[in-house]
């Protein structure tokens, strides 16, 4: 999935997603966010 977040802002946004219980874990590699969706968000993944 793509979004218009500047590479230098990805870390801050990842922290917000973890704090909001949208991501269970997050890792940034080569400017790309990789993470595990939380149980409450998984059903929404089918809509993508």
Protein backbone atom coordinates (compact mmCIF):
# COMPACT_ATOMS: atom_id res chain seq x y z
CA UNK A 1 0.00 0.00 0.00
CA UNK A 2 1.27 3.50 -0.74
CA UNK A 3 0.70 6.79 1.03
CA UNK A 4 2.09 10.30 0.84
CA UNK A 5 4.15 10.34 4.03
CA UNK A 6 7.64 11.75 3.74
CA UNK A 7 10.31 9.12 4.53
CA UNK A 8 11.60 11.14 7.48
CA UNK A 9 8.08 11.19 9.02
CA UNK A 10 7.41 7.45 8.80
CA UNK A 11 8.79 6.73 12.28
CA UNK A 12 6.52 9.28 13.93
CA UNK A 13 3.47 7.93 12.11
CA UNK A 14 4.40 4.35 13.01
CA UNK A 15 4.54 5.32 16.69
CA UNK A 16 1.06 6.84 16.40
CA UNK A 17 -0.32 3.68 14.78
CA UNK A 18 1.14 1.53 17.57
CA UNK A 19 -0.19 3.92 20.24
CA UNK A 20 -3.65 3.84 18.61
CA UNK A 21 -3.60 0.02 18.73
CA UNK A 22 -3.69 -0.27 14.94
CA UNK A 23 -0.28 -1.94 14.70
CA UNK A 24 0.94 -4.54 17.19
CA UNK A 25 4.54 -3.97 16.13
CA UNK A 26 6.31 -1.81 13.60
CA UNK A 27 9.70 -1.82 11.93
CA UNK A 28 11.13 0.60 9.38
CA UNK A 29 13.56 -0.87 6.85
CA UNK A 30 14.90 1.08 3.88
CA UNK A 31 12.24 3.77 4.36
CA UNK A 32 9.40 1.24 4.37
CA UNK A 33 7.09 0.53 7.27
CA UNK A 34 6.48 -3.11 8.04
CA UNK A 35 4.20 -4.16 10.84
CA UNK A 36 1.65 -6.54 12.23
CA UNK A 37 -1.97 -5.39 12.34
CA UNK A 38 -3.75 -5.79 15.67
CA UNK A 39 -6.69 -8.15 16.07
CA UNK A 40 -9.20 -5.29 16.01
CA UNK A 41 -7.86 -4.01 12.67
CA UNK A 42 -7.53 -7.38 10.88
CA UNK A 43 -11.19 -7.44 9.69
CA UNK A 44 -10.62 -4.10 7.95
CA UNK A 45 -7.77 -5.63 5.94
CA UNK A 46 -10.31 -7.49 3.82
CA UNK A 47 -11.64 -4.15 2.60
CA UNK A 48 -8.31 -3.14 1.02
